[in-house]
């Protein structure tokens, strides 16, 4: 990949994270919702790619943790949805 492509990926990461935070503060997203967590994970990943390419270790570490925390939120949401769906199943009376 070219330096320009990496720079674009980094800027897109910044935009995703910033939009997620803005929508959260406008109360258009919930902090425990999957969309907020996905925006953070995708944005953080873009910033990780950029930081890795430009050998920016502190930024790489910070955004790597950001991605891991966001992925934890996505997994927690998926588990909650799964449990909720299991609770709504109708049992077979046989």
PDB file of N, CA and C in Angstrom:
ATOM      1  N   UNK A   1       0.840  -1.185   0.000  1.00  0.00           N
ATOM      2  CA  UNK A   1       0.000   0.000   0.000  1.00  0.00           C
ATOM      3  C   UNK A   1       0.882   1.244   0.000  1.00  0.00           C
ATOM      4  N   UNK A   2       0.361   2.278  -0.599  1.00  0.00           N
ATOM      5  CA  UNK A   2       1.119   3.524  -0.661  1.00  0.00           C
ATOM      6  C   UNK A   2       0.891   4.337   0.623  1.00  0.00           C
ATOM      7  N   UNK A   3       1.775   5.282   0.839  1.00  0.00           N
ATOM      8  CA  UNK A   3       1.652   6.146   2.002  1.00  0.00           C
ATOM      9  C   UNK A   3       0.331   6.922   1.970  1.00  0.00           C
ATOM     10  N   UNK A   4      -0.105   7.319   0.770  1.00  0.00           N
ATOM     11  CA  UNK A   4      -1.378   8.039   0.640  1.00  0.00           C
ATOM     12  C   UNK A   4      -2.555   7.162   1.063  1.00  0.00           C
ATOM     13  N   UNK A   5      -2.521   5.894   0.693  1.00  0.00           N
ATOM     14  CA  UNK A   5      -3.594   4.976   1.068  1.00  0.00           C
ATOM     15  C   UNK A   5      -3.645   4.804   2.583  1.00  0.00           C
ATOM     16  N   UNK A   6      -2.481   4.638   3.194  1.00  0.00           N
ATOM     17  CA  UNK A   6      -2.411   4.490   4.650  1.00  0.00           C
ATOM     18  C   UNK A   6      -2.921   5.746   5.335  1.00  0.00           C
ATOM     19  N   UNK A   7      -2.564   6.897   4.809  1.00  0.00           N
ATOM     20  CA  UNK A   7      -3.039   8.165   5.380  1.00  0.00           C
ATOM     21  C   UNK A   7      -4.552   8.261   5.302  1.00  0.00           C
ATOM     22  N   UNK A   8      -5.129   7.858   4.182  1.00  0.00           N
ATOM     23  CA  UNK A   8      -6.597   7.868   4.023  1.00  0.00           C
ATOM     24  C   UNK A   8      -7.238   6.920   5.022  1.00  0.00           C
ATOM     25  N   UNK A   9      -6.663   5.720   5.196  1.00  0.00           N
ATOM     26  CA  UNK A   9      -7.180   4.764   6.174  1.00  0.00           C
ATOM     27  C   UNK A   9      -7.139   5.362   7.580  1.00  0.00           C
ATOM     28  N   UNK A  10      -6.061   6.050   7.905  1.00  0.00           N
ATOM     29  CA  UNK A  10      -5.954   6.705   9.211  1.00  0.00           C
ATOM     30  C   UNK A  10      -7.005   7.787   9.401  1.00  0.00           C
ATOM     31  N   UNK A  11      -7.213   8.603   8.383  1.00  0.00           N
ATOM     32  CA  UNK A  11      -8.230   9.664   8.477  1.00  0.00           C
ATOM     33  C   UNK A  11      -9.629   9.069   8.587  1.00  0.00           C
ATOM     34  N   UNK A  12      -9.889   7.993   7.857  1.00  0.00           N
ATOM     35  CA  UNK A  12     -11.199   7.333   7.973  1.00  0.00           C
ATOM     36  C   UNK A  12     -11.390   6.770   9.381  1.00  0.00           C
ATOM     37  N   UNK A  13     -10.315   6.228   9.957  1.00  0.00           N
ATOM     38  CA  UNK A  13     -10.385   5.758  11.336  1.00  0.00           C
ATOM     39  C   UNK A  13     -10.741   6.882  12.287  1.00  0.00           C
ATOM     40  N   UNK A  14     -10.086   8.008  12.116  1.00  0.00           N
ATOM     41  CA  UNK A  14     -10.385   9.186  12.931  1.00  0.00           C
ATOM     42  C   UNK A  14     -11.855   9.595  12.775  1.00  0.00           C
ATOM     43  N   UNK A  15     -12.342   9.600  11.546  1.00  0.00           N
ATOM     44  CA  UNK A  15     -13.731   9.999  11.284  1.00  0.00           C
ATOM     45  C   UNK A  15     -14.712   9.029  11.943  1.00  0.00           C
ATOM     46  N   UNK A  16     -14.471   7.719  11.802  1.00  0.00           N
ATOM     47  CA  UNK A  16     -15.374   6.732  12.402  1.00  0.00           C
ATOM     48  C   UNK A  16     -15.443   6.904  13.918  1.00  0.00           C
ATOM     49  N   UNK A  17     -14.293   7.022  14.568  1.00  0.00           N
ATOM     50  CA  UNK A  17     -14.264   7.171  16.022  1.00  0.00           C
ATOM     51  C   UNK A  17     -14.932   8.470  16.464  1.00  0.00           C
ATOM     52  N   UNK A  18     -14.665   9.533  15.740  1.00  0.00           N
ATOM     53  CA  UNK A  18     -15.227  10.836  16.103  1.00  0.00           C
ATOM     54  C   UNK A  18     -16.736  10.871  15.897  1.00  0.00           C
ATOM     55  N   UNK A  19     -17.204  10.312  14.798  1.00  0.00           N
ATOM     56  CA  UNK A  19     -18.656  10.261  14.536  1.00  0.00           C
ATOM     57  C   UNK A  19     -19.344   9.407  15.599  1.00  0.00           C
ATOM     58  N   UNK A  20     -18.739   8.288  15.968  1.00  0.00           N
ATOM     59  CA  UNK A  20     -19.322   7.438  17.014  1.00  0.00           C
ATOM     60  C   UNK A  20     -19.477   8.229  18.315  1.00  0.00           C
ATOM     61  N   UNK A  21     -18.435   8.949  18.682  1.00  0.00           N
ATOM     62  CA  UNK A  21     -18.468   9.725  19.923  1.00  0.00           C
ATOM     63  C   UNK A  21     -19.492  10.863  19.833  1.00  0.00           C
ATOM     64  N   UNK A  22     -19.559  11.517  18.694  1.00  0.00           N
ATOM     65  CA  UNK A  22     -20.541  12.586  18.501  1.00  0.00           C
ATOM     66  C   UNK A  22     -21.959  12.048  18.612  1.00  0.00           C
ATOM     67  N   UNK A  23     -22.247  10.947  17.916  1.00  0.00           N
ATOM     68  CA  UNK A  23     -23.590  10.365  17.954  1.00  0.00           C
ATOM     69  C   UNK A  23     -23.951   9.888  19.358  1.00  0.00           C
ATOM     70  N   UNK A  24     -22.971   9.415  20.097  1.00  0.00           N
ATOM     71  CA  UNK A  24     -23.201   9.020  21.482  1.00  0.00           C
ATOM     72  C   UNK A  24     -23.605  10.231  22.311  1.00  0.00           C
ATOM     73  N   UNK A  25     -22.888  11.337  22.152  1.00  0.00           N
ATOM     74  CA  UNK A  25     -23.185  12.539  22.922  1.00  0.00           C
ATOM     75  C   UNK A  25     -24.483  13.199  22.507  1.00  0.00           C
ATOM     76  N   UNK A  26     -24.891  12.998  21.274  1.00  0.00           N
ATOM     77  CA  UNK A  26     -26.189  13.514  20.816  1.00  0.00           C
ATOM     78  C   UNK A  26     -27.334  12.574  21.194  1.00  0.00           C
ATOM     79  N   UNK A  27     -26.972  11.478  21.865  1.00  0.00           N
ATOM     80  CA  UNK A  27     -27.919  10.461  22.307  1.00  0.00           C
ATOM     81  C   UNK A  27     -28.645   9.789  21.130  1.00  0.00           C
ATOM     82  N   UNK A  28     -27.933   9.711  19.991  1.00  0.00           N
ATOM     83  CA  UNK A  28     -28.463   8.995  18.843  1.00  0.00           C
ATOM     84  C   UNK A  28     -27.983   7.547  18.832  1.00  0.00           C
ATOM     85  N   UNK A  29     -26.969   7.278  19.638  1.00  0.00           N
ATOM     86  CA  UNK A  29     -26.463   5.920  19.829  1.00  0.00           C
ATOM     87  C   UNK A  29     -26.349   5.661  21.313  1.00  0.00           C
ATOM     88  N   UNK A  30     -26.416   4.380  21.676  1.00  0.00           N
ATOM     89  CA  UNK A  30     -26.205   3.973  23.068  1.00  0.00           C
ATOM     90  C   UNK A  30     -24.799   3.414  23.201  1.00  0.00           C
ATOM     91  N   UNK A  31     -24.173   3.652  24.347  1.00  0.00           N
ATOM     92  CA  UNK A  31     -22.808   3.167  24.549  1.00  0.00           C
ATOM     93  C   UNK A  31     -22.743   1.645  24.529  1.00  0.00           C
ATOM     94  N   UNK A  32     -23.838   0.981  24.873  1.00  0.00           N
ATOM     95  CA  UNK A  32     -23.836  -0.476  24.887  1.00  0.00           C
ATOM     96  C   UNK A  32     -24.458  -1.070  23.623  1.00  0.00           C
ATOM     97  N   UNK A  33     -24.681  -0.221  22.613  1.00  0.00           N
ATOM     98  CA  UNK A  33     -25.240  -0.694  21.351  1.00  0.00           C
ATOM     99  C   UNK A  33     -24.157  -1.185  20.401  1.00  0.00           C
ATOM    100  N   UNK A  34     -24.532  -2.076  19.533  1.00  0.00           N
ATOM    101  CA  UNK A  34     -23.562  -2.685  18.626  1.00  0.00           C
ATOM    102  C   UNK A  34     -23.030  -1.674  17.612  1.00  0.00           C
ATOM    103  N   UNK A  35     -23.845  -0.738  17.147  1.00  0.00           N
ATOM    104  CA  UNK A  35     -23.379   0.221  16.146  1.00  0.00           C
ATOM    105  C   UNK A  35     -22.262   1.107  16.702  1.00  0.00           C
ATOM    106  N   UNK A  36     -22.432   1.569  17.925  1.00  0.00           N
ATOM    107  CA  UNK A  36     -21.391   2.388  18.557  1.00  0.00           C
ATOM    108  C   UNK A  36     -20.090   1.600  18.670  1.00  0.00           C
ATOM    109  N   UNK A  37     -20.188   0.370  19.123  1.00  0.00           N
ATOM    110  CA  UNK A  37     -18.997  -0.452  19.294  1.00  0.00           C
ATOM    111  C   UNK A  37     -18.342  -0.775  17.951  1.00  0.00           C
ATOM    112  N   UNK A  38     -19.144  -1.053  16.923  1.00  0.00           N
ATOM    113  CA  UNK A  38     -18.582  -1.341  15.599  1.00  0.00           C
ATOM    114  C   UNK A  38     -17.892  -0.115  15.008  1.00  0.00           C
ATOM    115  N   UNK A  39     -18.503   1.054  15.144  1.00  0.00           N
ATOM    116  CA  UNK A  39     -17.864   2.273  14.644  1.00  0.00           C
ATOM    117  C   UNK A  39     -16.516   2.484  15.327  1.00  0.00           C
ATOM    118  N   UNK A  40     -16.470   2.243  16.630  1.00  0.00           N
ATOM    119  CA  UNK A  40     -15.212   2.384  17.364  1.00  0.00           C
ATOM    120  C   UNK A  40     -14.190   1.339  16.927  1.00  0.00           C
ATOM    121  N   UNK A  41     -14.623   0.107  16.733  1.00  0.00           N
ATOM    122  CA  UNK A  41     -13.696  -0.959  16.333  1.00  0.00           C
ATOM    123  C   UNK A  41     -13.131  -0.685  14.941  1.00  0.00           C
ATOM    124  N   UNK A  42     -13.977  -0.304  14.005  1.00  0.00           N
ATOM    125  CA  UNK A  42     -13.523  -0.016  12.639  1.00  0.00           C
ATOM    126  C   UNK A  42     -12.617   1.213  12.631  1.00  0.00           C
ATOM    127  N   UNK A  43     -13.030   2.248  13.340  1.00  0.00           N
ATOM    128  CA  UNK A  43     -12.220   3.456  13.412  1.00  0.00           C
ATOM    129  C   UNK A  43     -10.873   3.198  14.064  1.00  0.00           C
ATOM    130  N   UNK A  44     -10.894   2.479  15.168  1.00  0.00           N
ATOM    131  CA  UNK A  44      -9.647   2.160  15.847  1.00  0.00           C
ATOM    132  C   UNK A  44      -8.729   1.322  14.978  1.00  0.00           C
ATOM    133  N   UNK A  45      -9.300   0.404  14.218  1.00  0.00           N
ATOM    134  CA  UNK A  45      -8.497  -0.424  13.328  1.00  0.00           C
ATOM    135  C   UNK A  45      -7.808   0.420  12.256  1.00  0.00           C
ATOM    136  N   UNK A  46      -8.530   1.393  11.709  1.00  0.00           N
ATOM    137  CA  UNK A  46      -7.921   2.308  10.738  1.00  0.00           C
ATOM    138  C   UNK A  46      -6.764   3.075  11.344  1.00  0.00           C
ATOM    139  N   UNK A  47      -6.933   3.506  12.585  1.00  0.00           N
ATOM    140  CA  UNK A  47      -5.867   4.230  13.272  1.00  0.00           C
ATOM    141  C   UNK A  47      -4.693   3.313  13.610  1.00  0.00           C
ATOM    142  N   UNK A  48      -4.971   2.047  13.899  1.00  0.00           N
ATOM    143  CA  UNK A  48      -3.908   1.074  14.165  1.00  0.00           C
ATOM    144  C   UNK A  48      -3.070   0.850  12.909  1.00  0.00           C
ATOM    145  N   UNK A  49      -3.750   0.694  11.773  1.00  0.00           N
ATOM    146  CA  UNK A  49      -3.030   0.492  10.509  1.00  0.00           C
ATOM    147  C   UNK A  49      -2.103   1.667  10.238  1.00  0.00           C
ATOM    148  N   UNK A  50      -2.617   2.861  10.414  1.00  0.00           N
ATOM    149  CA  UNK A  50      -1.819   4.063  10.186  1.00  0.00           C
ATOM    150  C   UNK A  50      -0.641   4.139  11.157  1.00  0.00           C
ATOM    151  N   UNK A  51      -0.906   3.896  12.434  1.00  0.00           N
ATOM    152  CA  UNK A  51       0.154   3.967  13.441  1.00  0.00           C
ATOM    153  C   UNK A  51       1.217   2.905  13.198  1.00  0.00           C
ATOM    154  N   UNK A  52       0.812   1.716  12.791  1.00  0.00           N
ATOM    155  CA  UNK A  52       1.771   0.650  12.497  1.00  0.00           C
ATOM    156  C   UNK A  52       2.662   1.038  11.326  1.00  0.00           C
ATOM    157  N   UNK A  53       2.048   1.536  10.266  1.00  0.00           N
ATOM    158  CA  UNK A  53       2.799   1.900   9.067  1.00  0.00           C
ATOM    159  C   UNK A  53       3.822   2.992   9.364  1.00  0.00           C
ATOM    160  N   UNK A  54       3.419   3.983  10.133  1.00  0.00           N
ATOM    161  CA  UNK A  54       4.303   5.107  10.424  1.00  0.00           C
ATOM    162  C   UNK A  54       5.135   4.886  11.696  1.00  0.00           C
ATOM    163  N   UNK A  55       5.111   3.670  12.243  1.00  0.00           N
ATOM    164  CA  UNK A  55       5.902   3.278  13.411  1.00  0.00           C
ATOM    165  C   UNK A  55       5.681   4.219  14.601  1.00  0.00           C
ATOM    166  N   UNK A  56       4.416   4.529  14.860  1.00  0.00           N
ATOM    167  CA  UNK A  56       4.034   5.394  15.973  1.00  0.00           C
ATOM    168  C   UNK A  56       3.562   4.500  17.124  1.00  0.00           C
ATOM    169  N   UNK A  57       4.527   4.008  17.916  1.00  0.00           N
ATOM    170  CA  UNK A  57       4.237   3.006  18.943  1.00  0.00           C
ATOM    171  C   UNK A  57       3.190   3.446  19.970  1.00  0.00           C
ATOM    172  N   UNK A  58       3.253   4.664  20.533  1.00  0.00           N
ATOM    173  CA  UNK A  58       2.229   5.046  21.514  1.00  0.00           C
ATOM    174  C   UNK A  58       0.822   5.072  20.900  1.00  0.00           C
ATOM    175  N   UNK A  59       0.715   5.591  19.693  1.00  0.00           N
ATOM    176  CA  UNK A  59      -0.574   5.635  19.013  1.00  0.00           C
ATOM    177  C   UNK A  59      -1.052   4.219  18.689  1.00  0.00           C
ATOM    178  N   UNK A  60      -0.138   3.368  18.282  1.00  0.00           N
ATOM    179  CA  UNK A  60      -0.469   1.974  17.991  1.00  0.00           C
ATOM    180  C   UNK A  60      -1.010   1.291  19.246  1.00  0.00           C
ATOM    181  N   UNK A  61      -0.348   1.468  20.372  1.00  0.00           N
ATOM    182  CA  UNK A  61      -0.789   0.853  21.626  1.00  0.00           C
ATOM    183  C   UNK A  61      -2.156   1.383  22.060  1.00  0.00           C
ATOM    184  N   UNK A  62      -2.327   2.701  22.015  1.00  0.00           N
ATOM    185  CA  UNK A  62      -3.592   3.306  22.453  1.00  0.00           C
ATOM    186  C   UNK A  62      -4.756   2.840  21.586  1.00  0.00           C
ATOM    187  N   UNK A  63      -4.566   2.863  20.280  1.00  0.00           N
ATOM    188  CA  UNK A  63      -5.660   2.480  19.388  1.00  0.00           C
ATOM    189  C   UNK A  63      -5.854   0.973  19.333  1.00  0.00           C
ATOM    190  N   UNK A  64      -4.792   0.218  19.565  1.00  0.00           N
ATOM    191  CA  UNK A  64      -4.945  -1.232  19.678  1.00  0.00           C
ATOM    192  C   UNK A  64      -5.837  -1.585  20.859  1.00  0.00           C
ATOM    193  N   UNK A  65      -5.629  -0.914  21.991  1.00  0.00           N
ATOM    194  CA  UNK A  65      -6.494  -1.127  23.158  1.00  0.00           C
ATOM    195  C   UNK A  65      -7.918  -0.675  22.864  1.00  0.00           C
ATOM    196  N   UNK A  66      -8.059   0.426  22.133  1.00  0.00           N
ATOM    197  CA  UNK A  66      -9.373   0.947  21.764  1.00  0.00           C
ATOM    198  C   UNK A  66     -10.143  -0.115  20.977  1.00  0.00           C
ATOM    199  N   UNK A  67      -9.467  -0.748  20.022  1.00  0.00           N
ATOM    200  CA  UNK A  67     -10.096  -1.793  19.205  1.00  0.00           C
ATOM    201  C   UNK A  67     -10.489  -2.978  20.085  1.00  0.00           C
ATOM    202  N   UNK A  68      -9.598  -3.416  20.968  1.00  0.00           N
ATOM    203  CA  UNK A  68      -9.908  -4.556  21.828  1.00  0.00           C
ATOM    204  C   UNK A  68     -11.106  -4.273  22.734  1.00  0.00           C
ATOM    205  N   UNK A  69     -11.160  -3.082  23.281  1.00  0.00           N
ATOM    206  CA  UNK A  69     -12.298  -2.715  24.134  1.00  0.00           C
ATOM    207  C   UNK A  69     -13.590  -2.691  23.321  1.00  0.00           C
ATOM    208  N   UNK A  70     -13.540  -2.137  22.118  1.00  0.00           N
ATOM    209  CA  UNK A  70     -14.726  -2.097  21.263  1.00  0.00           C
ATOM    210  C   UNK A  70     -15.165  -3.507  20.877  1.00  0.00           C
ATOM    211  N   UNK A  71     -14.222  -4.378  20.559  1.00  0.00           N
ATOM    212  CA  UNK A  71     -14.573  -5.760  20.217  1.00  0.00           C
ATOM    213  C   UNK A  71     -15.179  -6.484  21.417  1.00  0.00           C
ATOM    214  N   UNK A  72     -14.680  -6.191  22.613  1.00  0.00           N
ATOM    215  CA  UNK A  72     -15.282  -6.734  23.830  1.00  0.00           C
ATOM    216  C   UNK A  72     -16.750  -6.295  23.915  1.00  0.00           C
ATOM    217  N   UNK A  73     -17.021  -5.027  23.608  1.00  0.00           N
ATOM    218  CA  UNK A  73     -18.399  -4.523  23.617  1.00  0.00           C
ATOM    219  C   UNK A  73     -19.269  -5.214  22.591  1.00  0.00           C
ATOM    220  N   UNK A  74     -18.724  -5.468  21.395  1.00  0.00           N
ATOM    221  CA  UNK A  74     -19.486  -6.174  20.353  1.00  0.00           C
ATOM    222  C   UNK A  74     -19.803  -7.593  20.813  1.00  0.00           C
ATOM    223  N   UNK A  75     -18.818  -8.286  21.373  1.00  0.00           N
ATOM    224  CA  UNK A  75     -19.045  -9.654  21.858  1.00  0.00           C
ATOM    225  C   UNK A  75     -20.055  -9.685  22.995  1.00  0.00           C
ATOM    226  N   UNK A  76     -19.974  -8.727  23.889  1.00  0.00           N
ATOM    227  CA  UNK A  76     -20.936  -8.651  24.995  1.00  0.00           C
ATOM    228  C   UNK A  76     -22.347  -8.417  24.459  1.00  0.00           C
ATOM    229  N   UNK A  77     -22.475  -7.561  23.456  1.00  0.00           N
ATOM    230  CA  UNK A  77     -23.774  -7.305  22.838  1.00  0.00           C
ATOM    231  C   UNK A  77     -24.299  -8.576  22.173  1.00  0.00           C
ATOM    232  N   UNK A  78     -23.429  -9.268  21.423  1.00  0.00           N
ATOM    233  CA  UNK A  78     -23.843 -10.495  20.734  1.00  0.00           C
ATOM    234  C   UNK A  78     -24.296 -11.551  21.736  1.00  0.00           C
ATOM    235  N   UNK A  79     -23.595 -11.677  22.845  1.00  0.00           N
ATOM    236  CA  UNK A  79     -23.968 -12.646  23.876  1.00  0.00           C
ATOM    237  C   UNK A  79     -25.321 -12.292  24.474  1.00  0.00           C
ATOM    238  N   UNK A  80     -25.552 -11.003  24.722  1.00  0.00           N
ATOM    239  CA  UNK A  80     -26.818 -10.550  25.292  1.00  0.00           C
ATOM    240  C   UNK A  80     -27.972 -10.839  24.341  1.00  0.00           C
ATOM    241  N   UNK A  81     -27.766 -10.597  23.047  1.00  0.00           N
ATOM    242  CA  UNK A  81     -28.801 -10.875  22.043  1.00  0.00           C
ATOM    243  C   UNK A  81     -29.068 -12.369  21.966  1.00  0.00           C
ATOM    244  N   UNK A  82     -28.022 -13.165  22.012  1.00  0.00           N
ATOM    245  CA  UNK A  82     -28.163 -14.616  21.944  1.00  0.00           C
ATOM    246  C   UNK A  82     -28.968 -15.150  23.123  1.00  0.00           C
ATOM    247  N   UNK A  83     -28.667 -14.678  24.316  1.00  0.00           N
ATOM    248  CA  UNK A  83     -29.394 -15.105  25.513  1.00  0.00           C
ATOM    249  C   UNK A  83     -30.843 -14.664  25.417  1.00  0.00           C
ATOM    250  N   UNK A  84     -31.076 -13.459  24.928  1.00  0.00           N
ATOM    251  CA  UNK A  84     -32.430 -12.938  24.785  1.00  0.00           C
ATOM    252  C   UNK A  84     -33.237 -13.774  23.802  1.00  0.00           C
ATOM    253  N   UNK A  85     -32.615 -14.171  22.702  1.00  0.00           N
ATOM    254  CA  UNK A  85     -33.322 -14.990  21.706  1.00  0.00           C
ATOM    255  C   UNK A  85     -33.648 -16.367  22.258  1.00  0.00           C
ATOM    256  N   UNK A  86     -32.726 -16.947  23.011  1.00  0.00           N
ATOM    257  CA  UNK A  86     -32.985 -18.261  23.605  1.00  0.00           C
ATOM    258  C   UNK A  86     -34.140 -18.186  24.587  1.00  0.00           C
ATOM    259  N   UNK A  87     -34.265 -17.086  25.278  1.00  0.00           N
ATOM    260  CA  UNK A  87     -35.335 -16.920  26.240  1.00  0.00           C
ATOM    261  C   UNK A  87     -36.699 -16.743  25.610  1.00  0.00           C
ATOM    262  N   UNK A  88     -36.751 -16.368  24.339  1.00  0.00           N
ATOM    263  CA  UNK A  88     -38.014 -16.134  23.653  1.00  0.00           C
ATOM    264  C   UNK A  88     -38.463 -17.313  22.800  1.00  0.00           C
ATOM    265  N   UNK A  89     -37.712 -18.391  22.784  1.00  0.00           N
ATOM    266  CA  UNK A  89     -38.105 -19.556  22.003  1.00  0.00           C
ATOM    267  C   UNK A  89     -39.309 -20.236  22.627  1.00  0.00           C
ATOM    268  N   UNK A  90     -40.160 -20.736  21.773  1.00  0.00           N
ATOM    269  CA  UNK A  90     -41.331 -21.468  22.237  1.00  0.00           C
ATOM    270  C   UNK A  90     -40.944 -22.940  22.334  1.00  0.00           C
ATOM    271  N   UNK A  91     -41.201 -23.550  23.462  1.00  0.00           N
ATOM    272  CA  UNK A  91     -40.833 -24.962  23.614  1.00  0.00           C
ATOM    273  C   UNK A  91     -41.852 -25.849  22.921  1.00  0.00           C
ATOM    274  N   UNK A  92     -41.385 -26.998  22.464  1.00  0.00           N
ATOM    275  CA  UNK A  92     -42.214 -27.979  21.781  1.00  0.00           C
ATOM    276  C   UNK A  92     -42.942 -28.810  22.838  1.00  0.00           C
ATOM    277  N   UNK A  93     -44.265 -28.863  22.818  1.00  0.00           N
ATOM    278  CA  UNK A  93     -45.017 -29.530  23.884  1.00  0.00           C
ATOM    279  C   UNK A  93     -44.997 -31.052  23.807  1.00  0.00           C
ATOM    280  N   UNK A  94     -44.191 -31.655  22.965  1.00  0.00           N
ATOM    281  CA  UNK A  94     -44.196 -33.114  22.847  1.00  0.00           C
ATOM    282  C   UNK A  94     -43.639 -33.783  24.034  1.00  0.00           C
TER     283      UNK A  94
END
